Amino acid sequence: MVKVKNNKIKTYILSAITLIWLAVSMILLYIKSRTGYRILIDFFGLQLRQEDVLFILLLMIVAWLIFFLKLFWKKYSSNIARVILVTGWILLIAGFLFGSLIFLGGHLVSTYYTFISPDKKHTLVVDEASFLLLSNVSLFERINPLFIEDLGAETSLDDGFSPISAGKYWIKWDGNRVSLAMLDELGTGTWDVVKVSLGDSDRNVQHDNLDSEGKPIVYEENYSPTLPAKDTIHKPLTKQEILDSLSLENAIIIPNSNYGLIEVDRAMARSLWYFVRIEENRMIYISDAPDTSPKVEGEIDSEGKIHLRFTDINNNQTNYESLNQGKTWKNAHKFSGNMD
C-alpha cells in the first residue's frame, strides 16, 4: 500500500514537472517566433540553448513513454500486443538517438562566448560555429537572461579555423560600441574586424581588415594564445595605458606648445592618432584625432585655436580646428598663419 502511494506521488511530481517544462518551452518558442530573438538561457553561468530546452522536454517524453510501455507490457500478454510494444520500444530508441544526435551536433559544431562591456551595461554574445572547412562567427546582444538578439554582424573564416576558441582574437569597447577582430590564421592571414553598436536601433555594422604583420599595438593585451573562459570580462587597455607604453620620441610635437600627436595603430593607408598633452616627458591623452590619414601636422594660432592638417596617400588635405584645447574637433576651411 505504501509502495503504491509512493509511486503515485512520483507520478504526480513527474507530471507536474513535465507540464511546467512544456509550458515554459512553448512560451519561449512563442516569444522567439514573435520577436526573432534566439533562445539562450543564462542560468548562473550555465547556458541552455533552444535545442537544450527541447532535449530536456524530449527526455521527459521518453520517460513517460517508457512508463506506459512497461505498464502495457504487464497488462497485455498477447503476441500481437507484444509485437506492437516491441515496435514501440524500437521507435522510442530510434527517436531518442536521433534527438540526441541533434543535441550533441549543435554543441560540437558551435560554441557561445560572452563578453561584458567595462561599464557592465552591455553584453556581447559570440556564436562561433565550425564544421569541416567552414567557420562562421556571429554576434548577438543579450537582451535578458533568456534571449539574445542577432546583431546582423558576422564573418566567415577559411579552413574551419575557430579564432575565439584558439585565443586568436582581440576585443575593444568604446562605450556601447564594440570592435571584435579575429585572425584568419589558416586563410588570408589577416585580422577580420567586425564593429557594431549595442543597445541602439541603428547597429551601424562595419567590417574591416587589418594586415597581420605583427599584432595591432592597441590590442596587444587582448591577443592571447590561451583559451578564453566563457562569461569572462576581457578588460582592454585604457587609452592612457596605451600611451604610457609608447615612446615620446615618436610623437609629432606642435611647435611652440606642449601638445602633440602620436600614431598608435596603422592599417593599410589609415592611421589611428591620439592627440596628447605633454607633461614632464609623459603623454596625457586628450582625444582621438579626427582623421585617419597617415600624415599630420599642426599649429596653434594667436587666438589659441589648435589647427591640424591631415594628408592622405593621394595628397588630399583636410583641415580641422579645436576651440577647447583638443577635446573636440570640427572641420576648418584652412589653417591660419604659417601653415598656409
Protein backbone atom coordinates (compact mmCIF):
# COMPACT_ATOMS: atom_id res chain seq x y z
CA MET A 1 0.00 0.00 0.00
CA VAL A 2 2.82 2.38 0.92
CA LYS A 3 4.72 1.47 -2.26
CA VAL A 4 1.66 2.20 -4.40
CA LYS A 5 1.20 5.53 -2.66
CA ASN A 6 4.86 6.46 -3.23
CA ASN A 7 4.59 5.54 -6.91
CA LYS A 8 1.55 7.78 -7.27
CA ILE A 9 3.41 10.66 -5.63
CA LYS A 10 6.33 10.18 -8.04
CA THR A 11 3.90 10.11 -10.96
CA TYR A 12 2.25 13.34 -9.82
CA ILE A 13 5.62 15.05 -9.38
CA LEU A 14 6.81 13.91 -12.83
CA SER A 15 3.50 15.07 -14.33
CA ALA A 16 3.82 18.50 -12.73
CA ILE A 17 7.45 18.90 -13.84
CA THR A 18 6.60 17.80 -17.38
CA LEU A 19 3.64 20.19 -17.68
CA ILE A 20 5.65 23.10 -16.27
CA TRP A 21 8.57 22.47 -18.60
CA LEU A 22 6.19 22.01 -21.55
CA ALA A 23 4.56 25.36 -20.74
CA VAL A 24 7.95 27.08 -20.37
CA SER A 25 9.13 25.61 -23.68
CA MET A 26 6.01 26.72 -25.53
CA ILE A 27 6.21 30.24 -24.07
CA LEU A 28 9.88 30.56 -25.06
CA LEU A 29 9.18 29.33 -28.60
CA TYR A 30 6.22 31.70 -28.90
CA ILE A 31 8.28 34.71 -27.81
CA LYS A 32 11.02 33.68 -30.23
CA SER A 33 8.53 33.47 -33.11
CA ARG A 34 7.15 36.92 -32.31
CA THR A 35 10.44 38.75 -31.71
CA GLY A 36 13.03 36.87 -33.75
CA TYR A 37 15.24 36.53 -30.68
CA ARG A 38 17.34 33.42 -30.14
CA ILE A 39 16.84 31.33 -27.01
CA LEU A 40 20.00 31.22 -24.89
CA ILE A 41 19.20 30.92 -21.20
CA ASP A 42 21.93 32.14 -18.85
CA PHE A 43 21.36 30.36 -15.56
CA PHE A 44 24.21 31.34 -13.21
CA GLY A 45 26.80 30.76 -15.93
CA LEU A 46 25.09 27.65 -17.34
CA GLN A 47 23.89 28.29 -20.88
CA LEU A 48 20.83 26.49 -22.25
CA ARG A 49 20.13 26.76 -25.96
CA GLN A 50 16.85 26.12 -27.72
CA GLU A 51 17.95 22.58 -28.56
CA ASP A 52 18.81 22.04 -24.88
CA VAL A 53 15.32 23.13 -23.82
CA LEU A 54 13.74 20.79 -26.39
CA PHE A 55 16.10 17.94 -25.49
CA ILE A 56 15.07 18.16 -21.83
CA LEU A 57 11.46 18.04 -22.99
CA LEU A 58 12.34 15.01 -25.14
CA LEU A 59 13.83 13.26 -22.10
CA MET A 60 10.60 13.82 -20.19
CA ILE A 61 8.53 12.45 -23.08
CA VAL A 62 10.83 9.43 -23.30
CA ALA A 63 10.40 8.85 -19.56
CA TRP A 64 6.61 8.89 -19.98
CA LEU A 65 6.75 6.54 -22.97
CA ILE A 66 8.89 4.10 -21.00
CA PHE A 67 6.39 4.30 -18.17
CA PHE A 68 3.43 3.49 -20.46
CA LEU A 69 5.29 0.78 -22.39
CA LYS A 70 6.14 -1.01 -19.13
CA LEU A 71 2.56 -0.61 -17.96
CA PHE A 72 1.12 -2.04 -21.17
CA TRP A 73 3.69 -4.87 -21.20
CA LYS A 74 2.40 -6.04 -17.84
CA LYS A 75 -1.24 -5.57 -18.81
CA TYR A 76 -1.25 -7.20 -22.27
CA SER A 77 0.30 -10.60 -22.93
CA SER A 78 -0.97 -11.47 -26.43
CA ASN A 79 1.54 -11.89 -29.22
CA ILE A 80 0.08 -9.06 -31.27
CA ALA A 81 0.24 -6.70 -28.29
CA ARG A 82 3.82 -7.71 -27.57
CA VAL A 83 4.82 -7.13 -31.23
CA ILE A 84 3.27 -3.66 -31.08
CA LEU A 85 5.07 -2.91 -27.82
CA VAL A 86 8.42 -4.11 -29.17
CA THR A 87 7.88 -1.91 -32.22
CA GLY A 88 7.17 0.92 -29.84
CA TRP A 89 10.42 0.29 -28.00
CA ILE A 90 12.36 0.30 -31.29
CA LEU A 91 10.76 3.55 -32.41
CA LEU A 92 11.40 5.07 -28.99
CA ILE A 93 15.09 4.15 -29.07
CA ALA A 94 15.46 5.40 -32.67
CA GLY A 95 13.73 8.70 -31.84
CA PHE A 96 15.84 9.19 -28.73
CA LEU A 97 19.07 8.52 -30.64
CA PHE A 98 18.03 10.94 -33.38
CA GLY A 99 17.20 13.65 -30.83
CA SER A 100 20.50 13.03 -29.02
CA LEU A 101 22.37 13.33 -32.32
CA ILE A 102 20.81 16.75 -32.98
CA PHE A 103 21.54 17.82 -29.41
CA LEU A 104 25.18 16.74 -29.46
CA GLY A 105 25.71 18.00 -33.01
CA GLY A 106 24.72 21.53 -32.04
CA HIS A 107 27.20 21.57 -29.17
CA LEU A 108 30.00 20.05 -31.23
CA VAL A 109 29.59 22.47 -34.12
CA SER A 110 29.12 25.77 -32.28
CA THR A 111 30.18 27.41 -29.02
CA TYR A 112 28.95 30.59 -27.35
CA TYR A 113 31.28 33.10 -25.70
CA THR A 114 30.19 36.07 -23.59
CA PHE A 115 31.96 39.43 -23.33
CA ILE A 116 30.74 42.15 -20.95
CA SER A 117 31.46 45.84 -21.50
CA PRO A 118 33.69 47.59 -18.93
CA ASP A 119 30.70 49.55 -17.58
CA LYS A 120 28.72 46.27 -17.41
CA LYS A 121 25.82 47.83 -19.31
CA HIS A 122 26.13 45.71 -22.44
CA THR A 123 26.77 42.03 -23.10
CA LEU A 124 28.11 40.74 -26.39
CA VAL A 125 27.49 37.06 -27.15
CA VAL A 126 29.59 35.46 -29.89
CA ASP A 127 28.45 32.28 -31.62
CA GLU A 128 31.46 30.52 -33.12
CA ALA A 129 30.48 27.68 -35.47
CA SER A 130 32.95 25.40 -37.23
CA PHE A 131 32.32 22.33 -39.37
CA LEU A 132 34.84 20.66 -41.66
CA LEU A 133 36.31 23.51 -43.78
CA LEU A 134 33.62 26.03 -42.86
CA SER A 135 33.79 28.52 -40.00
CA ASN A 136 31.41 31.33 -39.12
CA VAL A 137 31.33 33.85 -36.26
CA SER A 138 28.04 35.65 -35.49
CA LEU A 139 27.49 38.46 -32.99
CA PHE A 140 24.49 38.80 -30.67
CA GLU A 141 23.44 41.09 -27.85
CA ARG A 142 21.99 39.65 -24.66
CA ILE A 143 18.53 41.15 -24.17
CA ASN A 144 17.74 39.41 -20.87
CA PRO A 145 18.69 36.15 -19.13
CA LEU A 146 16.51 34.19 -21.59
CA PHE A 147 17.15 35.66 -25.04
CA ILE A 148 19.84 37.11 -27.29
CA GLU A 149 19.28 39.28 -30.36
CA ASP A 150 21.04 38.84 -33.68
CA LEU A 151 23.07 41.98 -34.45
CA GLY A 152 23.34 41.17 -38.14
CA ALA A 153 27.13 41.15 -37.81
CA GLU A 154 29.12 38.10 -38.78
CA THR A 155 32.25 36.98 -40.58
CA SER A 156 33.46 33.74 -42.17
CA LEU A 157 36.92 32.26 -41.95
CA ASP A 158 38.71 29.66 -44.04
CA ASP A 159 39.51 26.01 -43.35
CA GLY A 160 37.24 25.73 -40.32
CA PHE A 161 39.54 27.78 -38.09
CA SER A 162 37.98 28.84 -34.76
CA PRO A 163 39.74 32.07 -33.67
CA ILE A 164 37.85 32.64 -30.40
CA SER A 165 38.44 29.15 -29.01
CA ALA A 166 42.06 29.37 -30.20
CA GLY A 167 42.54 32.72 -28.46
CA LYS A 168 43.45 34.44 -31.75
CA TYR A 169 41.24 37.48 -31.29
CA TRP A 170 41.09 40.94 -29.70
CA ILE A 171 38.15 42.96 -28.47
CA LYS A 172 37.84 46.69 -27.80
CA TRP A 173 34.95 48.57 -26.18
CA ASP A 174 34.16 52.25 -26.72
CA GLY A 175 31.01 52.90 -24.70
CA ASN A 176 28.30 50.79 -26.31
CA ARG A 177 30.33 50.20 -29.48
CA VAL A 178 32.47 47.12 -29.69
CA SER A 179 35.13 46.02 -32.17
CA LEU A 180 35.93 42.32 -32.41
CA ALA A 181 38.79 41.13 -34.58
CA MET A 182 39.62 37.53 -35.39
CA LEU A 183 42.78 36.24 -37.01
CA ASP A 184 42.07 34.24 -40.18
CA GLU A 185 45.15 32.17 -39.46
CA LEU A 186 44.54 29.36 -41.95
CA GLY A 187 43.14 31.56 -44.71
CA THR A 188 44.18 35.08 -45.64
CA GLY A 189 46.33 35.51 -42.54
CA THR A 190 44.69 38.88 -41.81
CA TRP A 191 42.52 40.19 -38.99
CA ASP A 192 38.80 40.21 -39.83
CA VAL A 193 37.28 43.07 -37.83
CA VAL A 194 33.57 43.48 -37.05
CA LYS A 195 32.33 46.69 -35.42
CA VAL A 196 28.80 47.08 -34.07
CA SER A 197 26.84 49.24 -31.64
CA LEU A 198 24.89 47.58 -28.82
CA GLY A 199 21.72 48.96 -27.29
CA ASP A 200 20.91 51.11 -30.36
CA SER A 201 18.29 50.61 -33.04
CA ASP A 202 21.00 51.58 -35.53
CA ARG A 203 23.59 48.84 -35.16
CA ASN A 204 25.93 50.59 -37.63
CA VAL A 205 27.69 47.34 -38.54
CA GLN A 206 31.09 47.86 -40.14
CA HIS A 207 33.68 45.42 -41.42
CA ASP A 208 37.39 46.00 -41.68
CA ASN A 209 40.51 44.05 -42.47
CA LEU A 210 43.94 44.51 -40.90
CA ASP A 211 47.26 43.15 -42.01
CA SER A 212 48.61 40.58 -39.57
CA GLU A 213 52.23 41.71 -39.83
CA GLY A 214 52.63 41.88 -36.10
CA LYS A 215 49.84 42.44 -33.59
CA PRO A 216 47.96 45.77 -33.69
CA ILE A 217 49.55 47.88 -30.94
CA VAL A 218 46.24 48.99 -29.46
CA TYR A 219 45.08 45.45 -28.87
CA GLU A 220 48.23 43.59 -27.81
CA GLU A 221 46.81 42.93 -24.35
CA ASN A 222 43.83 41.05 -25.84
CA TYR A 223 45.90 38.78 -28.04
CA SER A 224 46.34 35.62 -26.03
CA PRO A 225 47.14 32.01 -27.02
CA THR A 226 45.13 30.67 -24.11
CA LEU A 227 41.51 29.58 -24.28
CA PRO A 228 39.17 32.38 -23.13
CA ALA A 229 36.80 31.34 -20.37
CA LYS A 230 33.10 31.70 -21.05
CA ASP A 231 31.30 34.59 -19.37
CA THR A 232 34.64 36.29 -18.72
CA ILE A 233 35.14 40.04 -18.81
CA HIS A 234 38.08 40.86 -21.09
CA LYS A 235 39.40 44.21 -19.91
CA PRO A 236 41.13 46.16 -22.69
CA LEU A 237 43.95 48.60 -22.16
CA THR A 238 42.83 52.16 -21.47
CA LYS A 239 43.98 54.82 -23.92
CA GLN A 240 46.25 56.29 -21.27
CA GLU A 241 47.82 52.88 -20.65
CA ILE A 242 48.45 52.60 -24.39
CA LEU A 243 50.20 55.99 -24.35
CA ASP A 244 52.30 55.01 -21.36
CA SER A 245 53.65 52.08 -23.37
CA LEU A 246 54.76 54.31 -26.27
CA SER A 247 57.83 56.49 -26.63
CA LEU A 248 57.59 60.29 -26.68
CA GLU A 249 60.28 60.28 -29.37
CA ASN A 250 57.69 59.01 -31.88
CA ALA A 251 55.27 61.86 -31.21
CA ILE A 252 54.72 64.80 -33.57
CA ILE A 253 55.05 67.92 -31.42
CA ILE A 254 53.05 71.02 -32.36
CA PRO A 255 55.52 73.94 -32.45
CA ASN A 256 55.57 76.37 -29.53
CA SER A 257 53.22 74.22 -27.44
CA ASN A 258 53.05 71.23 -25.14
CA TYR A 259 50.61 69.46 -27.47
CA GLY A 260 51.30 66.71 -29.97
CA LEU A 261 50.00 63.68 -31.86
CA ILE A 262 51.19 60.09 -31.85
CA GLU A 263 50.30 57.20 -34.12
CA VAL A 264 49.10 54.24 -32.06
CA ASP A 265 47.95 51.91 -34.85
CA ARG A 266 48.06 51.62 -38.64
CA ALA A 267 46.08 49.55 -41.12
CA MET A 268 46.94 49.87 -44.79
CA ALA A 269 46.76 53.62 -45.57
CA ARG A 270 44.92 54.59 -42.38
CA SER A 271 46.36 55.54 -39.03
CA LEU A 272 44.91 55.90 -35.57
CA TRP A 273 46.21 59.09 -33.95
CA TYR A 274 45.88 60.27 -30.37
CA PHE A 275 46.01 64.00 -29.58
CA VAL A 276 48.01 64.42 -26.37
CA ARG A 277 49.31 66.95 -23.89
CA ILE A 278 52.93 66.57 -22.83
CA GLU A 279 53.77 66.97 -19.16
CA GLU A 280 57.17 66.09 -17.68
CA ASN A 281 58.09 63.90 -20.67
CA ARG A 282 54.80 61.98 -20.35
CA MET A 283 51.96 61.98 -22.88
CA ILE A 284 48.49 62.64 -21.44
CA TYR A 285 45.54 61.52 -23.56
CA ILE A 286 43.09 64.24 -24.64
CA SER A 287 41.17 62.87 -27.64
CA ASP A 288 41.25 60.69 -30.73
CA ALA A 289 42.39 62.70 -33.72
CA PRO A 290 39.52 63.49 -36.13
CA ASP A 291 41.15 61.89 -39.19
CA THR A 292 42.96 58.65 -40.10
CA SER A 293 45.24 59.95 -42.87
CA PRO A 294 48.85 58.81 -42.49
CA LYS A 295 50.39 62.33 -42.40
CA VAL A 296 49.53 65.12 -39.97
CA GLU A 297 50.93 68.48 -38.90
CA GLY A 298 49.63 71.13 -36.55
CA GLU A 299 49.93 74.63 -35.15
CA ILE A 300 48.36 76.97 -32.61
CA ASP A 301 47.27 80.41 -33.82
CA SER A 302 47.41 83.72 -31.95
CA GLU A 303 43.89 83.17 -30.57
CA GLY A 304 44.82 79.84 -29.03
CA LYS A 305 42.98 77.70 -31.57
CA ILE A 306 44.64 74.39 -32.39
CA HIS A 307 44.80 73.59 -36.11
CA LEU A 308 45.54 70.20 -37.70
CA ARG A 309 46.14 69.35 -41.33
CA PHE A 310 45.88 65.71 -42.47
CA THR A 311 47.23 64.49 -45.81
CA ASP A 312 46.18 61.15 -47.30
CA ILE A 313 48.18 58.95 -49.68
CA ASN A 314 46.75 60.85 -52.67
CA ASN A 315 47.91 64.17 -51.19
CA ASN A 316 44.36 65.27 -50.46
CA GLN A 317 44.34 67.57 -47.43
CA THR A 318 41.72 68.03 -44.73
CA ASN A 319 41.86 70.75 -42.08
CA TYR A 320 40.46 70.70 -38.54
CA GLU A 321 40.40 73.11 -35.63
CA SER A 322 39.64 72.91 -31.92
CA LEU A 323 38.45 75.68 -29.62
CA ASN A 324 38.77 73.68 -26.39
CA GLN A 325 42.40 72.52 -26.27
CA GLY A 326 41.87 69.46 -28.46
CA LYS A 327 38.93 67.87 -26.67
CA THR A 328 36.66 68.15 -29.73
CA TRP A 329 37.30 68.95 -33.38
CA LYS A 330 35.46 70.45 -36.32
CA ASN A 331 36.27 70.88 -39.98
CA ALA A 332 38.03 74.08 -40.94
CA HIS A 333 38.43 75.70 -44.35
CA LYS A 334 42.09 76.46 -43.91
CA PHE A 335 44.94 76.74 -41.48
CA SER A 336 45.92 80.08 -40.07
CA GLY A 337 49.36 81.58 -40.03
CA ASN A 338 52.49 79.76 -41.18
CA MET A 339 50.87 76.55 -42.47
CA ASP A 340 49.45 78.26 -45.48
